[in-house]
């Protein structure tokens, strides 16, 4: 028998076809989980790099991505993690960027991880190294902003500014990066959250020029001065 509906005709074989598709998807997911688990157990940077194309393929699976975020949380807890990497982005943070690209529903989880990493003490590093590490993490937050997690990121950096919990140079770096990747028209929510940062002279004075042709001045003018 065939059932007729507004969306088309469905025969008895359609259920079998759907089960076949679902079974195939399940097998692919299990395979991705197992392969990723092997890499996690080895915990060898060279193995990760030599399998990077497969890793990025596996990160398209939501369950694998969630597991990788947890793995990254564990790995970055090690005090020695950031030693010698202040001028390069570690593979684990590159994977975090890719997860943000692929999975909008994971944005909250990714952002929570980045905030924890940003707020963590790095006292074992030199002061300039600490600044560079936090700039690197801010760049990940700006990337998260670029893929849709806009207001939470700006709200957090505004909180850091208002509470005076971070060096002003970090907020300045954030403001410069945001102006680099955004353009008008700006939403009311964006203006409400970012304008106080843009107008703070301790943050943006060095980013502005006398002709007001810089992006910060143009943003403030766009908002009505």
N, C-alpha and C. Protein backbone atom coordinates (compact mmCIF):
# COMPACT_ATOMS: atom_id res chain seq x y z
N UNK A 1 0.84 -1.18 0.00
CA UNK A 1 0.00 0.00 0.00
C UNK A 1 0.89 1.24 0.00
N UNK A 2 0.31 2.30 -0.58
CA UNK A 2 1.03 3.57 -0.62
C UNK A 2 0.17 4.62 0.06
N UNK A 3 0.76 5.41 0.97
CA UNK A 3 0.04 6.46 1.68
C UNK A 3 0.33 7.77 0.97
N UNK A 4 -0.74 8.49 0.62
CA UNK A 4 -0.58 9.78 -0.06
C UNK A 4 -0.71 10.90 0.96
N UNK A 5 0.23 11.84 0.93
CA UNK A 5 0.18 13.00 1.81
C UNK A 5 0.43 14.25 0.99
N UNK A 6 0.33 15.44 1.64
CA UNK A 6 0.58 16.70 0.95
C UNK A 6 2.03 16.81 0.49
N UNK A 7 2.94 16.12 1.20
CA UNK A 7 4.35 16.25 0.86
C UNK A 7 4.84 15.17 -0.10
N UNK A 8 3.98 14.22 -0.47
CA UNK A 8 4.40 13.22 -1.44
C UNK A 8 3.84 11.86 -1.12
N UNK A 9 4.41 10.81 -1.74
CA UNK A 9 3.94 9.45 -1.57
C UNK A 9 5.01 8.62 -0.86
N UNK A 10 4.59 7.80 0.07
CA UNK A 10 5.52 7.00 0.85
C UNK A 10 5.08 5.54 0.78
N UNK A 11 5.96 4.70 0.32
CA UNK A 11 5.69 3.27 0.27
C UNK A 11 6.30 2.56 1.46
N UNK A 12 6.09 1.28 1.53
CA UNK A 12 6.58 0.50 2.67
C UNK A 12 8.11 0.47 2.72
N UNK A 13 8.73 0.65 1.58
CA UNK A 13 10.18 0.57 1.54
C UNK A 13 10.89 1.79 2.08
N UNK A 14 10.16 2.90 2.25
CA UNK A 14 10.80 4.13 2.69
C UNK A 14 11.36 4.00 4.11
N UNK A 15 10.65 3.29 4.97
CA UNK A 15 11.13 3.09 6.33
C UNK A 15 12.44 2.33 6.35
N UNK A 16 12.55 1.31 5.50
CA UNK A 16 13.79 0.53 5.41
C UNK A 16 14.94 1.40 4.93
N UNK A 17 14.63 2.29 3.97
CA UNK A 17 15.67 3.17 3.44
C UNK A 17 16.16 4.13 4.52
N UNK A 18 15.22 4.68 5.29
CA UNK A 18 15.60 5.59 6.36
C UNK A 18 16.44 4.88 7.41
N UNK A 19 16.05 3.61 7.74
CA UNK A 19 16.82 2.85 8.72
C UNK A 19 18.23 2.59 8.21
N UNK A 20 18.36 2.35 6.90
CA UNK A 20 19.68 2.11 6.30
C UNK A 20 20.55 3.36 6.41
N UNK A 21 19.95 4.51 6.09
CA UNK A 21 20.68 5.77 6.17
C UNK A 21 21.10 6.05 7.60
N UNK A 22 20.17 5.87 8.57
CA UNK A 22 20.47 6.12 9.97
C UNK A 22 21.55 5.18 10.49
N UNK A 23 21.49 3.90 10.06
CA UNK A 23 22.50 2.93 10.48
C UNK A 23 23.87 3.30 9.96
N UNK A 24 23.93 3.76 8.72
CA UNK A 24 25.20 4.18 8.13
C UNK A 24 25.77 5.38 8.87
N UNK A 25 24.91 6.32 9.19
CA UNK A 25 25.34 7.52 9.93
C UNK A 25 25.86 7.12 11.30
N UNK A 26 25.17 6.19 11.96
CA UNK A 26 25.59 5.72 13.28
C UNK A 26 26.95 5.06 13.20
N UNK A 27 27.16 4.23 12.18
CA UNK A 27 28.45 3.55 12.02
C UNK A 27 29.57 4.56 11.79
N UNK A 28 29.31 5.59 11.00
CA UNK A 28 30.30 6.61 10.74
C UNK A 28 30.65 7.37 12.02
N UNK A 29 29.61 7.65 12.83
CA UNK A 29 29.83 8.36 14.08
C UNK A 29 30.66 7.53 15.05
N UNK A 30 30.33 6.24 15.16
CA UNK A 30 31.08 5.35 16.04
C UNK A 30 32.54 5.27 15.60
N UNK A 31 32.76 5.17 14.30
CA UNK A 31 34.12 5.11 13.77
C UNK A 31 34.90 6.38 14.11
N UNK A 32 34.22 7.54 13.97
CA UNK A 32 34.88 8.82 14.28
C UNK A 32 35.23 8.89 15.77
N UNK A 33 34.32 8.41 16.63
CA UNK A 33 34.58 8.41 18.08
C UNK A 33 35.77 7.52 18.41
N UNK A 34 35.79 6.32 17.84
CA UNK A 34 36.86 5.37 18.14
C UNK A 34 38.22 5.88 17.67
N UNK A 35 38.28 6.45 16.46
CA UNK A 35 39.54 6.96 15.94
C UNK A 35 40.03 8.14 16.78
N UNK A 36 39.11 9.00 17.18
CA UNK A 36 39.50 10.15 18.00
C UNK A 36 39.95 9.71 19.38
N UNK A 37 39.30 8.71 19.94
CA UNK A 37 39.70 8.19 21.25
C UNK A 37 41.14 7.68 21.23
N UNK A 38 41.54 7.03 20.13
CA UNK A 38 42.90 6.52 20.02
C UNK A 38 43.91 7.67 20.06
N UNK A 39 43.59 8.76 19.36
CA UNK A 39 44.48 9.92 19.36
C UNK A 39 44.56 10.54 20.75
N UNK A 40 43.42 10.60 21.42
CA UNK A 40 43.38 11.17 22.77
C UNK A 40 44.24 10.34 23.72
N UNK A 41 44.15 9.02 23.63
CA UNK A 41 44.91 8.14 24.51
C UNK A 41 46.40 8.25 24.24
N UNK A 42 46.78 8.38 22.97
CA UNK A 42 48.19 8.54 22.63
C UNK A 42 48.72 9.87 23.14
N UNK A 43 47.88 10.91 23.03
CA UNK A 43 48.23 12.25 23.50
C UNK A 43 49.60 12.67 22.97
N UNK A 44 49.80 12.44 21.69
CA UNK A 44 51.06 12.76 21.03
C UNK A 44 50.82 13.82 19.97
N UNK A 45 51.49 14.97 20.11
CA UNK A 45 51.26 16.09 19.19
C UNK A 45 51.54 15.71 17.75
N UNK A 46 52.59 14.91 17.52
CA UNK A 46 52.93 14.52 16.16
C UNK A 46 51.84 13.66 15.53
N UNK A 47 51.24 12.79 16.34
CA UNK A 47 50.14 11.94 15.84
C UNK A 47 48.94 12.81 15.46
N UNK A 48 48.65 13.81 16.28
CA UNK A 48 47.55 14.72 15.97
C UNK A 48 47.82 15.43 14.64
N UNK A 49 49.04 15.94 14.48
CA UNK A 49 49.37 16.70 13.28
C UNK A 49 49.34 15.82 12.03
N UNK A 50 49.84 14.61 12.15
CA UNK A 50 49.86 13.72 10.98
C UNK A 50 48.47 13.24 10.58
N UNK A 51 47.51 13.39 11.50
CA UNK A 51 46.13 12.98 11.21
C UNK A 51 45.18 14.17 11.18
N UNK A 52 45.72 15.36 10.97
CA UNK A 52 44.92 16.57 11.12
C UNK A 52 43.72 16.63 10.18
N UNK A 53 43.88 16.13 8.95
CA UNK A 53 42.74 16.16 8.01
C UNK A 53 41.61 15.27 8.51
N UNK A 54 41.95 14.11 9.04
CA UNK A 54 40.92 13.23 9.60
C UNK A 54 40.29 13.85 10.84
N UNK A 55 41.12 14.48 11.67
CA UNK A 55 40.61 15.12 12.88
C UNK A 55 39.56 16.17 12.53
N UNK A 56 39.87 17.01 11.54
CA UNK A 56 38.92 18.05 11.14
C UNK A 56 37.64 17.42 10.56
N UNK A 57 37.78 16.29 9.92
CA UNK A 57 36.61 15.58 9.40
C UNK A 57 35.76 15.07 10.57
N UNK A 58 36.42 14.51 11.59
CA UNK A 58 35.70 13.97 12.73
C UNK A 58 35.03 15.08 13.56
N UNK A 59 35.62 16.27 13.54
CA UNK A 59 35.05 17.37 14.32
C UNK A 59 33.70 17.83 13.79
N UNK A 60 33.32 17.35 12.63
CA UNK A 60 32.00 17.69 12.10
C UNK A 60 30.89 16.93 12.85
N UNK A 61 31.28 15.89 13.59
CA UNK A 61 30.31 15.15 14.39
C UNK A 61 30.15 15.84 15.74
N UNK A 62 28.94 16.25 16.10
CA UNK A 62 28.73 16.99 17.36
C UNK A 62 29.26 16.26 18.59
N UNK A 63 29.06 14.95 18.66
CA UNK A 63 29.49 14.21 19.85
C UNK A 63 31.01 14.19 19.96
N UNK A 64 31.70 14.12 18.83
CA UNK A 64 33.16 14.15 18.84
C UNK A 64 33.65 15.53 19.27
N UNK A 65 33.01 16.56 18.77
CA UNK A 65 33.41 17.93 19.11
C UNK A 65 33.26 18.20 20.60
N UNK A 66 32.18 17.72 21.20
CA UNK A 66 31.99 17.91 22.63
C UNK A 66 33.08 17.19 23.42
N UNK A 67 33.45 16.01 22.95
CA UNK A 67 34.52 15.26 23.59
C UNK A 67 35.86 15.98 23.48
N UNK A 68 36.11 16.59 22.33
CA UNK A 68 37.37 17.30 22.12
C UNK A 68 37.45 18.55 23.01
N UNK A 69 36.34 19.24 23.22
CA UNK A 69 36.34 20.39 24.13
C UNK A 69 36.76 19.94 25.52
N UNK A 70 36.20 18.83 25.99
CA UNK A 70 36.56 18.29 27.30
C UNK A 70 38.03 17.91 27.34
N UNK A 71 38.51 17.30 26.27
CA UNK A 71 39.93 16.92 26.17
C UNK A 71 40.82 18.17 26.24
N UNK A 72 40.44 19.22 25.52
CA UNK A 72 41.21 20.46 25.51
C UNK A 72 41.23 21.10 26.91
N UNK A 73 40.10 21.02 27.61
CA UNK A 73 40.06 21.54 28.97
C UNK A 73 41.08 20.82 29.84
N UNK A 74 41.17 19.51 29.69
CA UNK A 74 42.10 18.70 30.47
C UNK A 74 43.55 19.02 30.12
N UNK A 75 43.85 19.07 28.83
CA UNK A 75 45.23 19.29 28.39
C UNK A 75 45.75 20.66 28.81
N UNK A 76 44.92 21.68 28.68
CA UNK A 76 45.37 23.04 28.97
C UNK A 76 45.47 23.33 30.46
N UNK A 77 45.04 22.40 31.30
CA UNK A 77 45.19 22.56 32.75
C UNK A 77 46.65 22.45 33.16
N UNK A 78 47.43 21.78 32.35
CA UNK A 78 48.86 21.60 32.66
C UNK A 78 49.56 22.96 32.62
N UNK A 79 50.29 23.29 33.69
CA UNK A 79 50.95 24.59 33.78
C UNK A 79 51.97 24.80 32.67
N UNK A 80 52.53 23.71 32.18
CA UNK A 80 53.57 23.83 31.14
C UNK A 80 52.99 23.97 29.74
N UNK A 81 51.65 23.95 29.63
CA UNK A 81 51.03 23.90 28.30
C UNK A 81 51.45 25.08 27.42
N UNK A 82 51.44 26.29 27.96
CA UNK A 82 51.70 27.46 27.15
C UNK A 82 53.18 27.87 27.08
N UNK A 83 54.05 27.10 27.69
CA UNK A 83 55.47 27.43 27.64
C UNK A 83 55.99 27.32 26.21
N UNK A 84 56.54 28.42 25.71
CA UNK A 84 57.13 28.40 24.38
C UNK A 84 56.16 28.50 23.23
N UNK A 85 54.86 28.76 23.51
CA UNK A 85 53.89 28.82 22.40
C UNK A 85 53.20 30.18 22.33
N UNK A 86 53.80 31.19 22.96
CA UNK A 86 53.15 32.51 23.00
C UNK A 86 53.05 33.16 21.62
N UNK A 87 53.87 32.70 20.66
CA UNK A 87 53.83 33.30 19.33
C UNK A 87 53.17 32.41 18.29
N UNK A 88 52.65 31.26 18.71
CA UNK A 88 51.96 30.36 17.79
C UNK A 88 50.67 29.87 18.44
N UNK A 89 49.69 29.57 17.61
CA UNK A 89 48.41 29.06 18.14
C UNK A 89 48.51 27.55 18.28
N UNK A 90 48.36 27.01 19.49
CA UNK A 90 48.43 25.56 19.68
C UNK A 90 47.33 24.83 18.92
N UNK A 91 47.62 23.60 18.56
CA UNK A 91 46.67 22.78 17.81
C UNK A 91 45.33 22.69 18.52
N UNK A 92 45.33 22.58 19.83
CA UNK A 92 44.07 22.41 20.57
C UNK A 92 43.16 23.63 20.39
N UNK A 93 43.74 24.82 20.35
CA UNK A 93 42.93 26.02 20.15
C UNK A 93 42.47 26.14 18.70
N UNK A 94 43.26 25.61 17.76
CA UNK A 94 42.82 25.57 16.37
C UNK A 94 41.59 24.67 16.25
N UNK A 95 41.62 23.55 16.98
CA UNK A 95 40.45 22.65 16.97
C UNK A 95 39.24 23.34 17.59
N UNK A 96 39.46 24.15 18.61
CA UNK A 96 38.35 24.89 19.23
C UNK A 96 37.73 25.85 18.21
N UNK A 97 38.57 26.51 17.41
CA UNK A 97 38.05 27.38 16.34
C UNK A 97 37.19 26.59 15.37
N UNK A 98 37.66 25.40 15.01
CA UNK A 98 36.93 24.58 14.04
C UNK A 98 35.59 24.11 14.61
N UNK A 99 35.57 23.80 15.89
CA UNK A 99 34.31 23.41 16.54
C UNK A 99 33.33 24.57 16.51
N UNK A 100 33.84 25.77 16.77
CA UNK A 100 32.98 26.96 16.70
C UNK A 100 32.43 27.15 15.29
N UNK A 101 33.24 26.86 14.29
CA UNK A 101 32.80 26.97 12.89
C UNK A 101 31.65 26.03 12.59
N UNK A 102 31.78 24.80 13.08
CA UNK A 102 30.88 23.72 12.66
C UNK A 102 29.59 23.61 13.47
N UNK A 103 29.63 24.06 14.73
CA UNK A 103 28.52 23.72 15.63
C UNK A 103 28.03 24.93 16.43
N UNK A 104 27.08 25.68 15.90
CA UNK A 104 26.52 26.83 16.63
C UNK A 104 25.97 26.45 18.01
N UNK A 105 25.46 25.23 18.14
CA UNK A 105 24.90 24.82 19.43
C UNK A 105 25.99 24.58 20.47
N UNK A 106 27.24 24.52 20.04
CA UNK A 106 28.36 24.34 20.97
C UNK A 106 28.99 25.67 21.38
N UNK A 107 28.48 26.79 20.86
CA UNK A 107 29.12 28.08 21.12
C UNK A 107 29.21 28.40 22.61
N UNK A 108 28.15 28.13 23.34
CA UNK A 108 28.16 28.40 24.79
C UNK A 108 29.26 27.59 25.48
N UNK A 109 29.39 26.32 25.09
CA UNK A 109 30.40 25.45 25.69
C UNK A 109 31.81 25.93 25.35
N UNK A 110 32.01 26.28 24.09
CA UNK A 110 33.32 26.79 23.65
C UNK A 110 33.66 28.08 24.39
N UNK A 111 32.68 28.97 24.51
CA UNK A 111 32.92 30.26 25.16
C UNK A 111 33.24 30.06 26.64
N UNK A 112 32.56 29.15 27.29
CA UNK A 112 32.84 28.88 28.70
C UNK A 112 34.28 28.38 28.87
N UNK A 113 34.71 27.52 27.97
CA UNK A 113 36.10 27.03 28.01
C UNK A 113 37.09 28.17 27.82
N UNK A 114 36.84 29.05 26.84
CA UNK A 114 37.74 30.16 26.57
C UNK A 114 37.81 31.14 27.75
N UNK A 115 36.68 31.39 28.38
CA UNK A 115 36.66 32.28 29.55
C UNK A 115 37.48 31.68 30.69
N UNK A 116 37.32 30.40 30.94
CA UNK A 116 38.09 29.74 32.00
C UNK A 116 39.59 29.81 31.70
N UNK A 117 39.94 29.62 30.45
CA UNK A 117 41.35 29.67 30.05
C UNK A 117 41.90 31.09 30.18
N UNK A 118 41.08 32.06 29.83
CA UNK A 118 41.48 33.47 29.90
C UNK A 118 41.70 33.91 31.35
N UNK A 119 40.84 33.45 32.23
CA UNK A 119 40.88 33.88 33.63
C UNK A 119 41.88 33.09 34.48
N UNK A 120 42.37 32.01 33.93
CA UNK A 120 43.29 31.16 34.70
C UNK A 120 44.61 31.89 34.97
N UNK A 121 45.18 31.64 36.11
CA UNK A 121 46.47 32.24 36.46
C UNK A 121 47.59 31.61 35.64
N UNK A 122 48.46 32.46 35.09
CA UNK A 122 49.63 31.97 34.35
C UNK A 122 50.89 32.55 35.00
N UNK A 123 50.92 32.50 36.31
CA UNK A 123 51.99 33.15 37.06
C UNK A 123 53.36 32.55 36.80
N UNK A 124 53.40 31.32 36.29
CA UNK A 124 54.68 30.68 36.00
C UNK A 124 55.34 31.26 34.75
N UNK A 125 54.58 32.10 34.00
CA UNK A 125 55.12 32.74 32.80
C UNK A 125 55.51 34.18 33.10
N UNK A 126 56.39 34.71 32.25
CA UNK A 126 56.74 36.12 32.37
C UNK A 126 55.52 36.98 32.05
N UNK A 127 55.52 38.21 32.57
CA UNK A 127 54.35 39.08 32.41
C UNK A 127 53.99 39.30 30.94
N UNK A 128 54.98 39.57 30.10
CA UNK A 128 54.72 39.78 28.68
C UNK A 128 54.18 38.52 28.01
N UNK A 129 54.67 37.36 28.46
CA UNK A 129 54.16 36.09 27.93
C UNK A 129 52.69 35.91 28.31
N UNK A 130 52.36 36.29 29.54
CA UNK A 130 50.96 36.18 29.97
C UNK A 130 50.06 37.05 29.11
N UNK A 131 50.51 38.26 28.79
CA UNK A 131 49.74 39.17 27.94
C UNK A 131 49.52 38.56 26.57
N UNK A 132 50.58 37.99 26.00
CA UNK A 132 50.47 37.41 24.66
C UNK A 132 49.54 36.20 24.64
N UNK A 133 49.60 35.39 25.69
CA UNK A 133 48.72 34.22 25.79
C UNK A 133 47.26 34.68 25.84
N UNK A 134 47.00 35.69 26.63
CA UNK A 134 45.62 36.18 26.75
C UNK A 134 45.15 36.85 25.45
N UNK A 135 46.04 37.49 24.74
CA UNK A 135 45.68 38.03 23.42
C UNK A 135 45.29 36.90 22.47
N UNK A 136 46.02 35.81 22.55
CA UNK A 136 45.72 34.65 21.73
C UNK A 136 44.32 34.11 22.03
N UNK A 137 43.97 34.08 23.31
CA UNK A 137 42.65 33.60 23.71
C UNK A 137 41.57 34.59 23.27
N UNK A 138 41.87 35.88 23.38
CA UNK A 138 40.93 36.90 22.89
C UNK A 138 40.68 36.72 21.40
N UNK A 139 41.71 36.39 20.64
CA UNK A 139 41.54 36.14 19.20
C UNK A 139 40.56 35.00 18.95
N UNK A 140 40.59 33.99 19.80
CA UNK A 140 39.62 32.89 19.69
C UNK A 140 38.21 33.39 19.99
N UNK A 141 38.09 34.30 20.97
CA UNK A 141 36.78 34.88 21.29
C UNK A 141 36.27 35.72 20.13
N UNK A 142 37.16 36.47 19.49
CA UNK A 142 36.76 37.27 18.34
C UNK A 142 36.32 36.36 17.19
N UNK A 143 37.00 35.24 17.03
CA UNK A 143 36.57 34.26 16.02
C UNK A 143 35.17 33.75 16.35
N UNK A 144 34.93 33.49 17.63
CA UNK A 144 33.60 33.03 18.05
C UNK A 144 32.56 34.10 17.75
N UNK A 145 32.92 35.35 17.95
CA UNK A 145 32.05 36.47 17.60
C UNK A 145 31.74 36.46 16.10
N UNK A 146 32.76 36.20 15.30
CA UNK A 146 32.60 36.21 13.83
C UNK A 146 31.64 35.13 13.34
N UNK A 147 31.53 34.03 14.08
CA UNK A 147 30.65 32.94 13.63
C UNK A 147 29.30 32.98 14.33
N UNK A 148 29.00 34.12 15.00
CA UNK A 148 27.63 34.32 15.46
C UNK A 148 27.42 34.54 16.95
N UNK A 149 28.45 34.32 17.77
CA UNK A 149 28.27 34.47 19.22
C UNK A 149 28.69 35.88 19.62
N UNK A 150 27.97 36.86 19.12
CA UNK A 150 28.42 38.25 19.17
C UNK A 150 28.23 38.90 20.55
N UNK A 151 27.00 39.02 20.98
CA UNK A 151 26.69 39.80 22.18
C UNK A 151 27.32 39.19 23.44
N UNK A 152 27.27 37.87 23.65
CA UNK A 152 27.91 37.33 24.86
C UNK A 152 29.40 37.65 24.94
N UNK A 153 30.09 37.62 23.82
CA UNK A 153 31.53 37.92 23.81
C UNK A 153 31.77 39.38 24.19
N UNK A 154 31.03 40.29 23.58
CA UNK A 154 31.21 41.72 23.87
C UNK A 154 30.83 42.01 25.32
N UNK A 155 29.75 41.41 25.78
CA UNK A 155 29.33 41.62 27.18
C UNK A 155 30.42 41.18 28.14
N UNK A 156 31.07 40.08 27.84
CA UNK A 156 32.12 39.58 28.73
C UNK A 156 33.31 40.54 28.77
N UNK A 157 33.74 41.03 27.60
CA UNK A 157 34.87 41.94 27.58
C UNK A 157 34.52 43.28 28.22
N UNK A 158 33.27 43.68 28.10
CA UNK A 158 32.84 44.91 28.79
C UNK A 158 32.86 44.69 30.29
N UNK A 159 32.46 43.51 30.73
CA UNK A 159 32.54 43.18 32.16
C UNK A 159 33.98 43.25 32.65
N UNK A 160 34.91 42.71 31.84
CA UNK A 160 36.33 42.76 32.21
C UNK A 160 36.81 44.20 32.33
N UNK A 161 36.31 45.07 31.44
CA UNK A 161 36.68 46.48 31.49
C UNK A 161 36.09 47.16 32.73
N UNK A 162 34.80 46.97 32.94
CA UNK A 162 34.11 47.64 34.06
C UNK A 162 34.63 47.17 35.42
N UNK A 163 34.99 45.89 35.51
CA UNK A 163 35.46 45.34 36.79
C UNK A 163 36.95 45.53 36.99
N UNK A 164 37.62 46.05 35.95
CA UNK A 164 39.06 46.31 36.00
C UNK A 164 39.83 45.06 36.41
N UNK A 165 39.45 43.94 35.84
CA UNK A 165 40.09 42.66 36.19
C UNK A 165 41.21 42.27 35.23
N UNK A 166 41.35 42.99 34.11
CA UNK A 166 42.40 42.64 33.14
C UNK A 166 43.13 43.91 32.70
N UNK A 167 44.30 43.72 32.16
CA UNK A 167 45.10 44.82 31.66
C UNK A 167 44.36 45.52 30.52
N UNK A 168 44.40 46.86 30.53
CA UNK A 168 43.69 47.65 29.51
C UNK A 168 44.19 47.33 28.09
N UNK A 169 45.44 46.92 27.98
CA UNK A 169 45.98 46.60 26.65
C UNK A 169 45.24 45.42 26.02
N UNK A 170 44.71 44.54 26.85
CA UNK A 170 43.95 43.39 26.33
C UNK A 170 42.60 43.84 25.79
N UNK A 171 41.95 44.76 26.50
CA UNK A 171 40.69 45.30 26.01
C UNK A 171 40.93 46.08 24.73
N UNK A 172 42.05 46.79 24.67
CA UNK A 172 42.42 47.55 23.46
C UNK A 172 42.61 46.60 22.28
N UNK A 173 43.28 45.49 22.54
CA UNK A 173 43.48 44.49 21.49
C UNK A 173 42.14 43.95 21.00
N UNK A 174 41.25 43.68 21.93
CA UNK A 174 39.91 43.20 21.58
C UNK A 174 39.17 44.22 20.72
N UNK A 175 39.18 45.49 21.14
CA UNK A 175 38.47 46.54 20.41
C UNK A 175 39.01 46.67 18.99
N UNK A 176 40.34 46.64 18.85
CA UNK A 176 40.94 46.76 17.52
C UNK A 176 40.55 45.58 16.62
N UNK A 177 40.55 44.38 17.19
CA UNK A 177 40.19 43.19 16.41
C UNK A 177 38.72 43.22 16.00
N UNK A 178 37.85 43.65 16.90
CA UNK A 178 36.42 43.72 16.59
C UNK A 178 36.17 44.71 15.45
N UNK A 179 36.82 45.86 15.50
CA UNK A 179 36.65 46.85 14.44
C UNK A 179 37.20 46.33 13.10
N UNK A 180 38.17 45.43 13.19
CA UNK A 180 38.76 44.86 11.98
C UNK A 180 37.80 43.91 11.27
N UNK A 181 36.95 43.22 12.04
CA UNK A 181 36.12 42.16 11.46
C UNK A 181 34.64 42.54 11.35
N UNK A 182 34.27 43.74 11.78
CA UNK A 182 32.86 44.15 11.70
C UNK A 182 32.71 45.41 10.85
N UNK A 183 31.51 45.64 10.41
CA UNK A 183 31.21 46.84 9.62
C UNK A 183 29.74 47.21 9.82
N UNK A 184 29.40 48.43 9.47
CA UNK A 184 28.00 48.87 9.58
C UNK A 184 27.15 48.18 8.52
N UNK A 185 25.85 48.09 8.74
CA UNK A 185 25.10 48.62 9.89
C UNK A 185 25.27 47.74 11.14
N UNK A 186 25.28 48.39 12.30
CA UNK A 186 25.41 47.69 13.57
C UNK A 186 24.05 47.61 14.26
N UNK A 187 23.80 46.50 14.91
CA UNK A 187 22.53 46.34 15.62
C UNK A 187 22.52 47.21 16.88
N UNK A 188 21.33 47.46 17.39
CA UNK A 188 21.19 48.24 18.63
C UNK A 188 21.90 47.54 19.79
N UNK A 189 21.80 46.21 19.82
CA UNK A 189 22.44 45.46 20.90
C UNK A 189 23.96 45.59 20.83
N UNK A 190 24.49 45.52 19.61
CA UNK A 190 25.94 45.65 19.42
C UNK A 190 26.41 47.02 19.90
N UNK A 191 25.70 48.06 19.48
CA UNK A 191 26.07 49.44 19.86
C UNK A 191 26.01 49.61 21.38
N UNK A 192 24.95 49.11 21.98
CA UNK A 192 24.78 49.27 23.43
C UNK A 192 25.92 48.64 24.21
N UNK A 193 26.44 47.52 23.73
CA UNK A 193 27.49 46.81 24.46
C UNK A 193 28.90 47.29 24.09
N UNK A 194 29.10 47.63 22.82
CA UNK A 194 30.47 47.95 22.39
C UNK A 194 30.82 49.43 22.51
N UNK A 195 29.82 50.31 22.42
CA UNK A 195 30.10 51.76 22.47
C UNK A 195 30.84 52.18 23.75
N UNK A 196 30.47 51.68 24.93
CA UNK A 196 31.22 52.06 26.14
C UNK A 196 32.70 51.67 26.06
N UNK A 197 33.00 50.58 25.39
CA UNK A 197 34.39 50.17 25.21
C UNK A 197 35.09 51.13 24.25
N UNK A 198 34.42 51.43 23.13
CA UNK A 198 35.00 52.30 22.11
C UNK A 198 35.25 53.71 22.64
N UNK A 199 34.39 54.19 23.53
CA UNK A 199 34.49 55.57 24.02
C UNK A 199 35.41 55.71 25.24
N UNK A 200 35.89 54.60 25.75
CA UNK A 200 36.76 54.66 26.92
C UNK A 200 38.16 55.10 26.49
N UNK A 201 38.61 56.29 26.90
CA UNK A 201 39.90 56.81 26.44
C UNK A 201 41.09 55.97 26.88
N UNK A 202 40.98 55.30 28.03
CA UNK A 202 42.08 54.45 28.50
C UNK A 202 42.28 53.25 27.60
N UNK A 203 41.23 52.90 26.87
CA UNK A 203 41.29 51.73 25.99
C UNK A 203 41.63 52.12 24.56
N UNK A 204 40.95 53.12 24.03
CA UNK A 204 41.03 53.36 22.58
C UNK A 204 41.76 54.63 22.16
N UNK A 205 42.26 55.41 23.10
CA UNK A 205 42.92 56.68 22.72
C UNK A 205 44.05 56.44 21.73
N UNK A 206 44.84 55.42 21.97
CA UNK A 206 45.98 55.15 21.09
C UNK A 206 45.57 54.54 19.75
N UNK A 207 44.30 54.14 19.62
CA UNK A 207 43.81 53.57 18.37
C UNK A 207 43.21 54.65 17.45
N UNK A 208 43.06 55.87 18.00
CA UNK A 208 42.40 56.94 17.26
C UNK A 208 43.43 57.94 16.74
N UNK A 209 43.10 58.63 15.63
CA UNK A 209 43.99 59.66 15.11
C UNK A 209 43.29 61.01 15.08
N UNK A 210 44.07 62.06 14.89
CA UNK A 210 43.54 63.42 14.97
C UNK A 210 42.51 63.72 13.89
N UNK A 211 42.61 63.04 12.76
CA UNK A 211 41.67 63.25 11.65
C UNK A 211 40.38 62.47 11.82
N UNK A 212 40.34 61.61 12.85
CA UNK A 212 39.17 60.77 13.13
C UNK A 212 38.79 59.89 11.94
N UNK A 213 39.82 59.46 11.22
CA UNK A 213 39.58 58.57 10.08
C UNK A 213 39.75 57.10 10.46
N UNK A 214 40.06 56.86 11.72
CA UNK A 214 40.24 55.49 12.21
C UNK A 214 38.90 54.81 12.43
N UNK A 215 38.91 53.51 12.54
CA UNK A 215 37.67 52.73 12.65
C UNK A 215 36.92 53.00 13.95
N UNK A 216 37.64 53.24 15.04
CA UNK A 216 36.99 53.53 16.32
C UNK A 216 36.22 54.85 16.24
N UNK A 217 36.87 55.89 15.72
CA UNK A 217 36.22 57.20 15.59
C UNK A 217 35.02 57.12 14.66
N UNK A 218 35.15 56.38 13.58
CA UNK A 218 34.04 56.25 12.63
C UNK A 218 32.88 55.49 13.26
N UNK A 219 33.19 54.49 14.10
CA UNK A 219 32.14 53.77 14.80
C UNK A 219 31.39 54.70 15.75
N UNK A 220 32.14 55.49 16.51
CA UNK A 220 31.51 56.43 17.46
C UNK A 220 30.65 57.44 16.71
N UNK A 221 31.14 57.92 15.57
CA UNK A 221 30.36 58.87 14.76
C UNK A 221 29.08 58.21 14.23
N UNK A 222 29.20 56.95 13.81
CA UNK A 222 28.05 56.19 13.34
C UNK A 222 26.99 56.11 14.43
N UNK A 223 27.43 55.97 15.68
CA UNK A 223 26.51 55.85 16.80
C UNK A 223 25.96 57.19 17.28
N UNK A 224 26.39 58.27 16.64
CA UNK A 224 25.87 59.60 17.00
C UNK A 224 26.80 60.39 17.89
N UNK A 225 28.05 59.93 17.98
CA UNK A 225 29.06 60.67 18.75
C UNK A 225 29.02 60.37 20.23
